[in-house]
Structures are given as structure tokens and as C-alpha cells.
PDB file of N, CA and C in Angstrom:
ATOM      1  N   MET A   1      11.202 117.156  53.395  1.00  0.00           N
ATOM      2  CA  MET A   1      12.478 117.095  52.718  1.00  0.00           C
ATOM      3  C   MET A   1      13.113 118.492  52.742  1.00  0.00           C
ATOM      4  N   ALA A   2      14.347 118.554  53.165  1.00  0.00           N
ATOM      5  CA  ALA A   2      15.075 119.819  53.235  1.00  0.00           C
ATOM      6  C   ALA A   2      15.443 120.281  51.831  1.00  0.00           C
ATOM      7  N   LYS A   3      15.538 121.586  51.681  1.00  0.00           N
ATOM      8  CA  LYS A   3      16.043 122.126  50.429  1.00  0.00           C
ATOM      9  C   LYS A   3      17.484 121.669  50.270  1.00  0.00           C
ATOM     10  N   TYR A   4      17.858 121.272  49.063  1.00  0.00           N
ATOM     11  CA  TYR A   4      19.187 120.684  48.862  1.00  0.00           C
ATOM     12  C   TYR A   4      20.313 121.600  49.311  1.00  0.00           C
ATOM     13  N   ASP A   5      20.176 122.899  49.084  1.00  0.00           N
ATOM     14  CA  ASP A   5      21.275 123.800  49.456  1.00  0.00           C
ATOM     15  C   ASP A   5      21.287 124.145  50.942  1.00  0.00           C
ATOM     16  N   ASP A   6      20.316 123.614  51.689  1.00  0.00           N
ATOM     17  CA  ASP A   6      20.342 123.743  53.150  1.00  0.00           C
ATOM     18  C   ASP A   6      20.995 122.540  53.818  1.00  0.00           C
ATOM     19  N   LEU A   7      21.224 121.488  53.053  1.00  0.00           N
ATOM     20  CA  LEU A   7      21.835 120.278  53.613  1.00  0.00           C
ATOM     21  C   LEU A   7      23.283 120.555  54.015  1.00  0.00           C
ATOM     22  N   PRO A   8      23.679 120.150  55.212  1.00  0.00           N
ATOM     23  CA  PRO A   8      25.071 120.364  55.643  1.00  0.00           C
ATOM     24  C   PRO A   8      26.093 119.739  54.696  1.00  0.00           C
ATOM     25  N   VAL A   9      25.776 118.570  54.145  1.00  0.00           N
ATOM     26  CA  VAL A   9      26.724 117.919  53.232  1.00  0.00           C
ATOM     27  C   VAL A   9      26.855 118.718  51.935  1.00  0.00           C
ATOM     28  N   PHE A  10      25.779 119.330  51.474  1.00  0.00           N
ATOM     29  CA  PHE A  10      25.846 120.174  50.277  1.00  0.00           C
ATOM     30  C   PHE A  10      26.712 121.395  50.554  1.00  0.00           C
ATOM     31  N   LYS A  11      26.477 122.029  51.694  1.00  0.00           N
ATOM     32  CA  LYS A  11      27.261 123.218  52.058  1.00  0.00           C
ATOM     33  C   LYS A  11      28.745 122.883  52.194  1.00  0.00           C
ATOM     34  N   ALA A  12      29.056 121.766  52.837  1.00  0.00           N
ATOM     35  CA  ALA A  12      30.456 121.366  53.028  1.00  0.00           C
ATOM     36  C   ALA A  12      31.125 121.069  51.687  1.00  0.00           C
ATOM     37  N   THR A  13      30.390 120.432  50.785  1.00  0.00           N
ATOM     38  CA  THR A  13      30.936 120.120  49.463  1.00  0.00           C
ATOM     39  C   THR A  13      31.126 121.393  48.652  1.00  0.00           C
ATOM     40  N   TYR A  14      30.177 122.311  48.747  1.00  0.00           N
ATOM     41  CA  TYR A  14      30.309 123.595  48.057  1.00  0.00           C
ATOM     42  C   TYR A  14      31.530 124.354  48.579  1.00  0.00           C
ATOM     43  N   ASP A  15      31.720 124.360  49.887  1.00  0.00           N
ATOM     44  CA  ASP A  15      32.890 125.028  50.475  1.00  0.00           C
ATOM     45  C   ASP A  15      34.187 124.397  49.984  1.00  0.00           C
ATOM     46  N   LEU A  16      34.191 123.079  49.845  1.00  0.00           N
ATOM     47  CA  LEU A  16      35.360 122.383  49.307  1.00  0.00           C
ATOM     48  C   LEU A  16      35.631 122.838  47.876  1.00  0.00           C
ATOM     49  N   LEU A  17      34.586 122.913  47.065  1.00  0.00           N
ATOM     50  CA  LEU A  17      34.733 123.382  45.682  1.00  0.00           C
ATOM     51  C   LEU A  17      35.298 124.796  45.652  1.00  0.00           C
ATOM     52  N   PHE A  18      34.781 125.656  46.501  1.00  0.00           N
ATOM     53  CA  PHE A  18      35.248 127.042  46.572  1.00  0.00           C
ATOM     54  C   PHE A  18      36.741 127.090  46.910  1.00  0.00           C
ATOM     55  N   GLN A  19      37.169 126.273  47.866  1.00  0.00           N
ATOM     56  CA  GLN A  19      38.589 126.239  48.243  1.00  0.00           C
ATOM     57  C   GLN A  19      39.456 125.716  47.104  1.00  0.00           C
ATOM     58  N   ILE A  20      38.965 124.725  46.376  1.00  0.00           N
ATOM     59  CA  ILE A  20      39.712 124.197  45.230  1.00  0.00           C
ATOM     60  C   ILE A  20      39.871 125.287  44.174  1.00  0.00           C
ATOM     61  N   PHE A  21      38.822 126.057  43.924  1.00  0.00           N
ATOM     62  CA  PHE A  21      38.939 127.176  42.987  1.00  0.00           C
ATOM     63  C   PHE A  21      40.011 128.153  43.461  1.00  0.00           C
ATOM     64  N   ASN A  22      40.038 128.445  44.745  1.00  0.00           N
ATOM     65  CA  ASN A  22      41.024 129.392  45.280  1.00  0.00           C
ATOM     66  C   ASN A  22      42.454 128.894  45.149  1.00  0.00           C
ATOM     67  N   VAL A  23      42.702 127.656  45.543  1.00  0.00           N
ATOM     68  CA  VAL A  23      44.088 127.172  45.525  1.00  0.00           C
ATOM     69  C   VAL A  23      44.559 126.833  44.123  1.00  0.00           C
ATOM     70  N   SER A  24      43.677 126.356  43.260  1.00  0.00           N
ATOM     71  CA  SER A  24      44.111 125.902  41.936  1.00  0.00           C
ATOM     72  C   SER A  24      44.468 127.047  40.997  1.00  0.00           C
ATOM     73  N   GLN A  25      44.029 128.247  41.301  1.00  0.00           N
ATOM     74  CA  GLN A  25      44.374 129.365  40.420  1.00  0.00           C
ATOM     75  C   GLN A  25      45.868 129.692  40.465  1.00  0.00           C
ATOM     76  N   HIS A  26      46.571 129.167  41.463  1.00  0.00           N
ATOM     77  CA  HIS A  26      48.008 129.409  41.593  1.00  0.00           C
ATOM     78  C   HIS A  26      48.844 128.237  41.083  1.00  0.00           C
ATOM     79  N   TRP A  27      48.196 127.206  40.575  1.00  0.00           N
ATOM     80  CA  TRP A  27      48.919 126.040  40.080  1.00  0.00           C
ATOM     81  C   TRP A  27      49.532 126.336  38.720  1.00  0.00           C
ATOM     82  N   ARG A  28      50.554 125.552  38.366  1.00  0.00           N
ATOM     83  CA  ARG A  28      51.142 125.680  37.027  1.00  0.00           C
ATOM     84  C   ARG A  28      50.046 125.453  35.995  1.00  0.00           C
ATOM     85  N   ARG A  29      50.187 126.107  34.874  1.00  0.00           N
ATOM     86  CA  ARG A  29      49.162 126.071  33.830  1.00  0.00           C
ATOM     87  C   ARG A  29      48.777 124.641  33.432  1.00  0.00           C
ATOM     88  N   ASP A  30      49.758 123.784  33.188  1.00  0.00           N
ATOM     89  CA  ASP A  30      49.437 122.425  32.739  1.00  0.00           C
ATOM     90  C   ASP A  30      48.655 121.648  33.797  1.00  0.00           C
ATOM     91  N   ILE A  31      49.000 121.835  35.048  1.00  0.00           N
ATOM     92  CA  ILE A  31      48.294 121.152  36.141  1.00  0.00           C
ATOM     93  C   ILE A  31      46.913 121.774  36.352  1.00  0.00           C
ATOM     94  N   ARG A  32      46.853 123.092  36.281  1.00  0.00           N
ATOM     95  CA  ARG A  32      45.588 123.802  36.508  1.00  0.00           C
ATOM     96  C   ARG A  32      44.529 123.371  35.491  1.00  0.00           C
ATOM     97  N   TYR A  33      44.953 123.210  34.225  1.00  0.00           N
ATOM     98  CA  TYR A  33      43.981 122.888  33.177  1.00  0.00           C
ATOM     99  C   TYR A  33      43.778 121.394  32.966  1.00  0.00           C
ATOM    100  N   SER A  34      44.477 120.573  33.677  1.00  0.00           N
ATOM    101  CA  SER A  34      44.224 119.130  33.602  1.00  0.00           C
ATOM    102  C   SER A  34      43.670 118.661  34.944  1.00  0.00           C
ATOM    103  N   LEU A  35      44.541 118.486  35.900  1.00  0.00           N
ATOM    104  CA  LEU A  35      44.135 118.007  37.219  1.00  0.00           C
ATOM    105  C   LEU A  35      43.139 118.961  37.885  1.00  0.00           C
ATOM    106  N   GLY A  36      43.399 120.247  37.793  1.00  0.00           N
ATOM    107  CA  GLY A  36      42.524 121.233  38.432  1.00  0.00           C
ATOM    108  C   GLY A  36      41.105 121.193  37.894  1.00  0.00           C
ATOM    109  N   GLU A  37      40.980 121.135  36.572  1.00  0.00           N
ATOM    110  CA  GLU A  37      39.648 121.095  35.967  1.00  0.00           C
ATOM    111  C   GLU A  37      38.932 119.785  36.282  1.00  0.00           C
ATOM    112  N   ASP A  38      39.671 118.672  36.240  1.00  0.00           N
ATOM    113  CA  ASP A  38      39.062 117.380  36.582  1.00  0.00           C
ATOM    114  C   ASP A  38      38.555 117.380  38.022  1.00  0.00           C
ATOM    115  N   LEU A  39      39.339 117.948  38.901  1.00  0.00           N
ATOM    116  CA  LEU A  39      38.979 118.018  40.316  1.00  0.00           C
ATOM    117  C   LEU A  39      37.701 118.834  40.515  1.00  0.00           C
ATOM    118  N   LYS A  40      37.626 119.969  39.863  1.00  0.00           N
ATOM    119  CA  LYS A  40      36.428 120.811  39.968  1.00  0.00           C
ATOM    120  C   LYS A  40      35.201 120.087  39.421  1.00  0.00           C
ATOM    121  N   LYS A  41      35.368 119.412  38.285  1.00  0.00           N
ATOM    122  CA  LYS A  41      34.242 118.684  37.685  1.00  0.00           C
ATOM    123  C   LYS A  41      33.739 117.576  38.605  1.00  0.00           C
ATOM    124  N   GLU A  42      34.660 116.858  39.243  1.00  0.00           N
ATOM    125  CA  GLU A  42      34.257 115.789  40.168  1.00  0.00           C
ATOM    126  C   GLU A  42      33.427 116.351  41.319  1.00  0.00           C
ATOM    127  N   ILE A  43      33.878 117.467  41.867  1.00  0.00           N
ATOM    128  CA  ILE A  43      33.159 118.049  43.010  1.00  0.00           C
ATOM    129  C   ILE A  43      31.798 118.582  42.571  1.00  0.00           C
ATOM    130  N   ILE A  44      31.738 119.176  41.386  1.00  0.00           N
ATOM    131  CA  ILE A  44      30.449 119.643  40.863  1.00  0.00           C
ATOM    132  C   ILE A  44      29.507 118.458  40.662  1.00  0.00           C
ATOM    133  N   GLU A  45      30.042 117.328  40.190  1.00  0.00           N
ATOM    134  CA  GLU A  45      29.216 116.126  40.034  1.00  0.00           C
ATOM    135  C   GLU A  45      28.711 115.627  41.386  1.00  0.00           C
ATOM    136  N   ILE A  46      29.538 115.734  42.417  1.00  0.00           N
ATOM    137  CA  ILE A  46      29.083 115.352  43.761  1.00  0.00           C
ATOM    138  C   ILE A  46      27.916 116.244  44.181  1.00  0.00           C
ATOM    139  N   LEU A  47      28.029 117.537  43.932  1.00  0.00           N
ATOM    140  CA  LEU A  47      26.938 118.459  44.269  1.00  0.00           C
ATOM    141  C   LEU A  47      25.658 118.082  43.524  1.00  0.00           C
ATOM    142  N   GLN A  48      25.793 117.723  42.250  1.00  0.00           N
ATOM    143  CA  GLN A  48      24.624 117.314  41.469  1.00  0.00           C
ATOM    144  C   GLN A  48      24.007 116.032  42.029  1.00  0.00           C
ATOM    145  N   LEU A  49      24.849 115.091  42.419  1.00  0.00           N
ATOM    146  CA  LEU A  49      24.348 113.838  42.989  1.00  0.00           C
ATOM    147  C   LEU A  49      23.658 114.068  44.333  1.00  0.00           C
ATOM    148  N   ILE A  50      24.177 114.989  45.123  1.00  0.00           N
ATOM    149  CA  ILE A  50      23.525 115.325  46.397  1.00  0.00           C
ATOM    150  C   ILE A  50      22.134 115.890  46.120  1.00  0.00           C
ATOM    151  N   TYR A  51      22.043 116.763  45.126  1.00  0.00           N
ATOM    152  CA  TYR A  51      20.748 117.317  44.731  1.00  0.00           C
ATOM    153  C   TYR A  51      19.793 116.190  44.325  1.00  0.00           C
ATOM    154  N   GLN A  52      20.293 115.264  43.484  1.00  0.00           N
ATOM    155  CA  GLN A  52      19.452 114.160  43.024  1.00  0.00           C
ATOM    156  C   GLN A  52      19.028 113.261  44.184  1.00  0.00           C
ATOM    157  N   ALA A  53      19.955 112.978  45.073  1.00  0.00           N
ATOM    158  CA  ALA A  53      19.636 112.133  46.228  1.00  0.00           C
ATOM    159  C   ALA A  53      18.560 112.781  47.080  1.00  0.00           C
ATOM    160  N   ASN A  54      18.659 114.078  47.253  1.00  0.00           N
ATOM    161  CA  ASN A  54      17.693 114.789  48.081  1.00  0.00           C
ATOM    162  C   ASN A  54      16.319 114.861  47.418  1.00  0.00           C
ATOM    163  N   SER A  55      16.280 114.698  46.091  1.00  0.00           N
ATOM    164  CA  SER A  55      15.037 114.858  45.340  1.00  0.00           C
ATOM    165  C   SER A  55      14.273 113.560  45.114  1.00  0.00           C
ATOM    166  N   THR A  56      14.812 112.452  45.579  1.00  0.00           N
ATOM    167  CA  THR A  56      14.174 111.166  45.310  1.00  0.00           C
ATOM    168  C   THR A  56      13.999 110.362  46.594  1.00  0.00           C
ATOM    169  N   ARG A  57      13.152 109.357  46.516  1.00  0.00           N
ATOM    170  CA  ARG A  57      12.937 108.493  47.679  1.00  0.00           C
ATOM    171  C   ARG A  57      14.084 107.500  47.853  1.00  0.00           C
ATOM    172  N   SER A  58      14.580 106.961  46.747  1.00  0.00           N
ATOM    173  CA  SER A  58      15.672 105.976  46.832  1.00  0.00           C
ATOM    174  C   SER A  58      17.009 106.695  46.665  1.00  0.00           C
ATOM    175  N   LYS A  59      17.570 107.077  47.772  1.00  0.00           N
ATOM    176  CA  LYS A  59      18.760 107.918  47.807  1.00  0.00           C
ATOM    177  C   LYS A  59      20.072 107.135  47.775  1.00  0.00           C
ATOM    178  N   ILE A  60      20.028 105.868  48.132  1.00  0.00           N
ATOM    179  CA  ILE A  60      21.250 105.102  48.379  1.00  0.00           C
ATOM    180  C   ILE A  60      22.179 105.067  47.169  1.00  0.00           C
ATOM    181  N   ALA A  61      21.647 104.866  45.974  1.00  0.00           N
ATOM    182  CA  ALA A  61      22.496 104.795  44.777  1.00  0.00           C
ATOM    183  C   ALA A  61      23.234 106.116  44.554  1.00  0.00           C
ATOM    184  N   TYR A  62      22.544 107.227  44.762  1.00  0.00           N
ATOM    185  CA  TYR A  62      23.170 108.535  44.566  1.00  0.00           C
ATOM    186  C   TYR A  62      24.240 108.804  45.624  1.00  0.00           C
ATOM    187  N   ILE A  63      23.926 108.467  46.856  1.00  0.00           N
ATOM    188  CA  ILE A  63      24.894 108.677  47.940  1.00  0.00           C
ATOM    189  C   ILE A  63      26.117 107.794  47.721  1.00  0.00           C
ATOM    190  N   SER A  64      25.888 106.580  47.277  1.00  0.00           N
ATOM    191  CA  SER A  64      26.994 105.668  46.992  1.00  0.00           C
ATOM    192  C   SER A  64      27.900 106.239  45.905  1.00  0.00           C
ATOM    193  N   SER A  65      27.311 106.813  44.871  1.00  0.00           N
ATOM    194  CA  SER A  65      28.101 107.451  43.806  1.00  0.00           C
ATOM    195  C   SER A  65      28.897 108.630  44.349  1.00  0.00           C
ATOM    196  N   CYS A  66      28.296 109.386  45.245  1.00  0.00           N
ATOM    197  CA  CYS A  66      29.007 110.505  45.886  1.00  0.00           C
ATOM    198  C   CYS A  66      30.227 109.999  46.638  1.00  0.00           C
ATOM    199  N   ARG A  67      30.053 108.901  47.342  1.00  0.00           N
ATOM    200  CA  ARG A  67      31.155 108.355  48.148  1.00  0.00           C
ATOM    201  C   ARG A  67      32.304 107.884  47.261  1.00  0.00           C
ATOM    202  N   VAL A  68      31.990 107.320  46.106  1.00  0.00           N
ATOM    203  CA  VAL A  68      33.039 106.914  45.162  1.00  0.00           C
ATOM    204  C   VAL A  68      33.767 108.152  44.641  1.00  0.00           C
ATOM    205  N   LYS A  69      33.005 109.172  44.312  1.00  0.00           N
ATOM    206  CA  LYS A  69      33.612 110.387  43.762  1.00  0.00           C
ATOM    207  C   LYS A  69      34.466 111.127  44.790  1.00  0.00           C
ATOM    208  N   ILE A  70      34.083 111.119  46.050  1.00  0.00           N
ATOM    209  CA  ILE A  70      34.896 111.815  47.055  1.00  0.00           C
ATOM    210  C   ILE A  70      36.232 111.102  47.234  1.00  0.00           C
ATOM    211  N   VAL A  71      36.259 109.791  47.028  1.00  0.00           N
ATOM    212  CA  VAL A  71      37.534 109.061  47.067  1.00  0.00           C
ATOM    213  C   VAL A  71      38.418 109.517  45.907  1.00  0.00           C
ATOM    214  N   LYS A  72      37.818 109.704  44.726  1.00  0.00           N
ATOM    215  CA  LYS A  72      38.576 110.197  43.574  1.00  0.00           C
ATOM    216  C   LYS A  72      39.116 111.600  43.842  1.00  0.00           C
ATOM    217  N   VAL A  73      38.297 112.434  44.472  1.00  0.00           N
ATOM    218  CA  VAL A  73      38.719 113.798  44.810  1.00  0.00           C
ATOM    219  C   VAL A  73      39.901 113.756  45.778  1.00  0.00           C
ATOM    220  N   LYS A  74      39.814 112.899  46.782  1.00  0.00           N
ATOM    221  CA  LYS A  74      40.922 112.771  47.746  1.00  0.00           C
ATOM    222  C   LYS A  74      42.211 112.384  47.036  1.00  0.00           C
ATOM    223  N   LEU A  75      42.114 111.459  46.101  1.00  0.00           N
ATOM    224  CA  LEU A  75      43.286 111.018  45.351  1.00  0.00           C
ATOM    225  C   LEU A  75      43.860 112.161  44.516  1.00  0.00           C
ATOM    226  N   GLN A  76      42.998 112.910  43.854  1.00  0.00           N
ATOM    227  CA  GLN A  76      43.458 114.015  43.014  1.00  0.00           C
ATOM    228  C   GLN A  76      44.117 115.113  43.849  1.00  0.00           C
ATOM    229  N   VAL A  77      43.570 115.394  45.005  1.00  0.00           N
ATOM    230  CA  VAL A  77      44.177 116.402  45.887  1.00  0.00           C
ATOM    231  C   VAL A  77      45.538 115.915  46.373  1.00  0.00           C
ATOM    232  N   ARG A  78      45.620 114.639  46.667  1.00  0.00           N
ATOM    233  CA  ARG A  78      46.911 114.083  47.094  1.00  0.00           C
ATOM    234  C   ARG A  78      47.941 114.182  45.965  1.00  0.00           C
ATOM    235  N   ILE A  79      47.513 113.930  44.737  1.00  0.00           N
ATOM    236  CA  ILE A  79      48.418 114.070  43.592  1.00  0.00           C
ATOM    237  C   ILE A  79      48.896 115.515  43.485  1.00  0.00           C
ATOM    238  N   ALA A  80      47.991 116.471  43.662  1.00  0.00           N
ATOM    239  CA  ALA A  80      48.375 117.890  43.612  1.00  0.00           C
ATOM    240  C   ALA A  80      49.417 118.201  44.681  1.00  0.00           C
ATOM    241  N   LYS A  81      49.247 117.624  45.862  1.00  0.00           N
ATOM    242  CA  LYS A  81      50.237 117.828  46.928  1.00  0.00           C
ATOM    243  C   LYS A  81      51.575 117.212  46.538  1.00  0.00           C
ATOM    244  N   ASP A  82      51.543 115.997  46.017  1.00  0.00           N
ATOM    245  CA  ASP A  82      52.776 115.308  45.632  1.00  0.00           C
ATOM    246  C   ASP A  82      53.487 116.006  44.476  1.00  0.00           C
ATOM    247  N   LEU A  83      52.724 116.715  43.646  1.00  0.00           N
ATOM    248  CA  LEU A  83      53.316 117.500  42.560  1.00  0.00           C
ATOM    249  C   LEU A  83      53.800 118.867  43.043  1.00  0.00           C
ATOM    250  N   LYS A  84      53.693 119.088  44.347  1.00  0.00           N
ATOM    251  CA  LYS A  84      54.129 120.332  44.994  1.00  0.00           C
ATOM    252  C   LYS A  84      53.295 121.547  44.564  1.00  0.00           C
ATOM    253  N   GLU A  85      52.032 121.283  44.219  1.00  0.00           N
ATOM    254  CA  GLU A  85      51.120 122.377  43.877  1.00  0.00           C
ATOM    255  C   GLU A  85      50.356 122.867  45.104  1.00  0.00           C
ATOM    256  N   LEU A  86      50.379 122.074  46.160  1.00  0.00           N
ATOM    257  CA  LEU A  86      49.734 122.451  47.417  1.00  0.00           C
ATOM    258  C   LEU A  86      50.773 122.470  48.522  1.00  0.00           C
ATOM    259  N   HIS A  87      50.734 123.501  49.337  1.00  0.00           N
ATOM    260  CA  HIS A  87      51.558 123.522  50.544  1.00  0.00           C
ATOM    261  C   HIS A  87      50.949 122.539  51.535  1.00  0.00           C
ATOM    262  N   ILE A  88      51.735 122.102  52.461  1.00  0.00           N
ATOM    263  CA  ILE A  88      51.266 121.093  53.417  1.00  0.00           C
ATOM    264  C   ILE A  88      50.073 121.597  54.230  1.00  0.00           C
ATOM    265  N   ASN A  89      50.072 122.896  54.574  1.00  0.00           N
ATOM    266  CA  ASN A  89      48.933 123.433  55.339  1.00  0.00           C
ATOM    267  C   ASN A  89      47.670 123.506  54.474  1.00  0.00           C
ATOM    268  N   GLN A  90      47.821 123.795  53.181  1.00  0.00           N
ATOM    269  CA  GLN A  90      46.669 123.784  52.279  1.00  0.00           C
ATOM    270  C   GLN A  90      46.120 122.366  52.150  1.00  0.00           C
ATOM    271  N   TYR A  91      47.036 121.419  51.997  1.00  0.00           N
ATOM    272  CA  TYR A  91      46.627 120.020  51.877  1.00  0.00           C
ATOM    273  C   TYR A  91      45.901 119.563  53.142  1.00  0.00           C
ATOM    274  N   ALA A  92      46.440 119.914  54.293  1.00  0.00           N
ATOM    275  CA  ALA A  92      45.823 119.510  55.560  1.00  0.00           C
ATOM    276  C   ALA A  92      44.410 120.086  55.678  1.00  0.00           C
ATOM    277  N   PHE A  93      44.251 121.351  55.294  1.00  0.00           N
ATOM    278  CA  PHE A  93      42.943 121.995  55.353  1.00  0.00           C
ATOM    279  C   PHE A  93      41.954 121.303  54.413  1.00  0.00           C
ATOM    280  N   LEU A  94      42.395 121.033  53.176  1.00  0.00           N
ATOM    281  CA  LEU A  94      41.527 120.357  52.210  1.00  0.00           C
ATOM    282  C   LEU A  94      41.216 118.926  52.651  1.00  0.00           C
ATOM    283  N   ALA A  95      42.212 118.248  53.217  1.00  0.00           N
ATOM    284  CA  ALA A  95      41.998 116.875  53.691  1.00  0.00           C
ATOM    285  C   ALA A  95      40.937 116.847  54.788  1.00  0.00           C
ATOM    286  N   GLU A  96      40.981 117.829  55.660  1.00  0.00           N
ATOM    287  CA  GLU A  96      39.981 117.928  56.727  1.00  0.00           C
ATOM    288  C   GLU A  96      38.590 118.167  56.143  1.00  0.00           C
ATOM    289  N   MET A  97      38.515 119.031  55.145  1.00  0.00           N
ATOM    290  CA  MET A  97      37.230 119.303  54.499  1.00  0.00           C
ATOM    291  C   MET A  97      36.694 118.050  53.800  1.00  0.00           C
ATOM    292  N   MET A  98      37.576 117.359  53.082  1.00  0.00           N
ATOM    293  CA  MET A  98      37.162 116.150  52.365  1.00  0.00           C
ATOM    294  C   MET A  98      36.703 115.070  53.334  1.00  0.00           C
ATOM    295  N   GLU A  99      37.401 114.951  54.446  1.00  0.00           N
ATOM    296  CA  GLU A  99      37.023 113.957  55.452  1.00  0.00           C
ATOM    297  C   GLU A  99      35.653 114.293  56.044  1.00  0.00           C
ATOM    298  N   GLY A 100      35.392 115.583  56.244  1.00  0.00           N
ATOM    299  CA  GLY A 100      34.084 116.005  56.739  1.00  0.00           C
ATOM    300  C   GLY A 100      32.968 115.635  55.775  1.00  0.00           C
ATOM    301  N   VAL A 101      33.190 115.876  54.492  1.00  0.00           N
ATOM    302  CA  VAL A 101      32.196 115.509  53.476  1.00  0.00           C
ATOM    303  C   VAL A 101      32.003 113.997  53.467  1.00  0.00           C
ATOM    304  N   SER A 102      33.109 113.278  53.497  1.00  0.00           N
ATOM    305  CA  SER A 102      33.059 111.815  53.473  1.00  0.00           C
ATOM    306  C   SER A 102      32.273 111.260  54.665  1.00  0.00           C
ATOM    307  N   LYS A 103      32.516 111.795  55.842  1.00  0.00           N
ATOM    308  CA  LYS A 103      31.801 111.339  57.041  1.00  0.00           C
ATOM    309  C   LYS A 103      30.308 111.652  56.955  1.00  0.00           C
ATOM    310  N   GLN A 104      29.977 112.830  56.439  1.00  0.00           N
ATOM    311  CA  GLN A 104      28.562 113.184  56.302  1.00  0.00           C
ATOM    312  C   GLN A 104      27.860 112.259  55.313  1.00  0.00           C
ATOM    313  N   LEU A 105      28.550 111.935  54.220  1.00  0.00           N
ATOM    314  CA  LEU A 105      27.968 111.012  53.245  1.00  0.00           C
ATOM    315  C   LEU A 105      27.776 109.626  53.856  1.00  0.00           C
ATOM    316  N   ALA A 106      28.759 109.178  54.628  1.00  0.00           N
ATOM    317  CA  ALA A 106      28.658 107.867  55.280  1.00  0.00           C
ATOM    318  C   ALA A 106      27.489 107.841  56.266  1.00  0.00           C
ATOM    319  N   SER A 107      27.324 108.914  57.023  1.00  0.00           N
ATOM    320  CA  SER A 107      26.210 108.994  57.981  1.00  0.00           C
ATOM    321  C   SER A 107      24.869 109.017  57.265  1.00  0.00           C
ATOM    322  N   TRP A 108      24.806 109.754  56.170  1.00  0.00           N
ATOM    323  CA  TRP A 108      23.574 109.835  55.387  1.00  0.00           C
ATOM    324  C   TRP A 108      23.224 108.457  54.829  1.00  0.00           C
ATOM    325  N   MET A 109      24.245 107.762  54.328  1.00  0.00           N
ATOM    326  CA  MET A 109      24.046 106.414  53.786  1.00  0.00           C
ATOM    327  C   MET A 109      23.516 105.480  54.878  1.00  0.00           C
ATOM    328  N   LYS A 110      24.128 105.538  56.042  1.00  0.00           N
ATOM    329  CA  LYS A 110      23.711 104.688  57.163  1.00  0.00           C
ATOM    330  C   LYS A 110      22.255 104.974  57.533  1.00  0.00           C
ATOM    331  N   SER A 111      21.907 106.245  57.578  1.00  0.00           N
ATOM    332  CA  SER A 111      20.548 106.653  57.915  1.00  0.00           C
ATOM    333  C   SER A 111      19.544 106.139  56.879  1.00  0.00           C
ATOM    334  N   GLU A 112      19.891 106.261  55.620  1.00  0.00           N
ATOM    335  CA  GLU A 112      18.984 105.808  54.558  1.00  0.00           C
ATOM    336  C   GLU A 112      18.832 104.291  54.560  1.00  0.00           C
ATOM    337  N   LYS A 113      19.913 103.576  54.831  1.00  0.00           N
ATOM    338  CA  LYS A 113      19.826 102.115  54.905  1.00  0.00           C
ATOM    339  C   LYS A 113      18.932 101.690  56.065  1.00  0.00           C
ATOM    340  N   LYS A 114      19.047 102.408  57.169  1.00  0.00           N
ATOM    341  CA  LYS A 114      18.205 102.110  58.338  1.00  0.00           C
ATOM    342  C   LYS A 114      16.730 102.356  58.000  1.00  0.00           C
ATOM    343  N   LYS A 115      16.453 103.454  57.299  1.00  0.00           N
ATOM    344  CA  LYS A 115      15.077 103.749  56.887  1.00  0.00           C
ATOM    345  C   LYS A 115      14.533 102.648  55.982  1.00  0.00           C
ATOM    346  N   GLU A 116      15.373 102.192  55.048  1.00  0.00           N
ATOM    347  CA  GLU A 116      14.959 101.116  54.147  1.00  0.00           C
ATOM    348  C   GLU A 116      14.647  99.836  54.910  1.00  0.00           C
ATOM    349  N   GLN A 117      15.500  99.505  55.876  1.00  0.00           N
ATOM    350  CA  GLN A 117      15.275  98.300  56.683  1.00  0.00           C
ATOM    351  C   GLN A 117      13.979  98.409  57.472  1.00  0.00           C
ATOM    352  N   ASN A 118      13.715  99.577  58.025  1.00  0.00           N
ATOM    353  CA  ASN A 118      12.477  99.784  58.779  1.00  0.00           C
ATOM    354  C   ASN A 118      11.253  99.629  57.883  1.00  0.00           C
ATOM    355  N   LEU A 119      11.342 100.135  56.654  1.00  0.00           N
ATOM    356  CA  LEU A 119      10.233  99.983  55.713  1.00  0.00           C
ATOM    357  C   LEU A 119      10.009  98.516  55.366  1.00  0.00           C
ATOM    358  N   GLU A 120      11.104  97.781  55.160  1.00  0.00           N
ATOM    359  CA  GLU A 120      10.994  96.357  54.843  1.00  0.00           C
ATOM    360  C   GLU A 120      10.364  95.591  56.003  1.00  0.00           C
ATOM    361  N   GLN A 121      10.739  95.945  57.225  1.00  0.00           N
ATOM    362  CA  GLN A 121      10.187  95.267  58.400  1.00  0.00           C
ATOM    363  C   GLN A 121       8.696  95.557  58.542  1.00  0.00           C
ATOM    364  N   LYS A 122       8.290  96.780  58.235  1.00  0.00           N
ATOM    365  CA  LYS A 122       6.873  97.133  58.327  1.00  0.00           C
ATOM    366  C   LYS A 122       6.052  96.382  57.283  1.00  0.00           C
ATOM    367  N   GLU A 123       6.658  96.139  56.115  1.00  0.00           N
ATOM    368  CA  GLU A 123       5.950  95.429  55.051  1.00  0.00           C
ATOM    369  C   GLU A 123       5.781  93.952  55.385  1.00  0.00           C
ATOM    370  N   ASN A 124       6.698  93.406  56.152  1.00  0.00           N
ATOM    371  CA  ASN A 124       6.638  91.966  56.495  1.00  0.00           C
ATOM    372  C   ASN A 124       5.790  91.715  57.679  1.00  0.00           C
TER     373      ASN A 124
END
């Protein structure tokens, strides 16, 4: 089992969090302390779920929760763009990062489901 902070999906999610911290410091106060804080908390929760998934044998539930949360993050970032708190180039960069995290989570989920199926076949 890889160390959680060596996982590419953990690193990509951490980088996303770092970028959110950078861009949100320039947002209007009301947006920064509502939407900005919620966004940071969601991403931190994704990092925690990645850690939990990496620490257990049954990873699917944790990865599934991560995938739900990344959808929420995408929505919140889009709201920030629509509120004109993000420039289009910032939004595009964040969207690319979020899509990368989402794809890695989907691949991880697929891999874990395949492992589960193989275990079930061996038991039968």
C-alpha cells in the first residue's frame, strides 16, 4: 500500500486546494467567508477520504464519497466564476485540475471494483 501523500490523486487534490487558497484570498469578503470556506472544507474532506480509502481494504465507499464531493466542488467553483470572482483563465485552470482529480478517482474506483470482482470469482 502506497503512502497516502504519495498517491497521485492525493497530490492533485492537494494542489487544487492550494490553488483555491490562492485565488480565494482576492474574493469579496462575503464570498470569501461563505463560498470560499465551504469550498476549502469540501476539498479538505476529499483529502481525508482519500487517506481513509488508502488505509482500508474496502475502498469503494470512500472513493464514491470523494466523487460526490468533487462534483460539489465543481459546482462551487462554477458559482464563483458566475459571481465574477474568478477570471475565465483561472476558472479554466481550476476546471482542468478538478477534471484531473475526477478522472483519477474514476480510474481508482474502476480498479477497486475489478479487484473486488476478481476476489469474488476466486471465492466461487
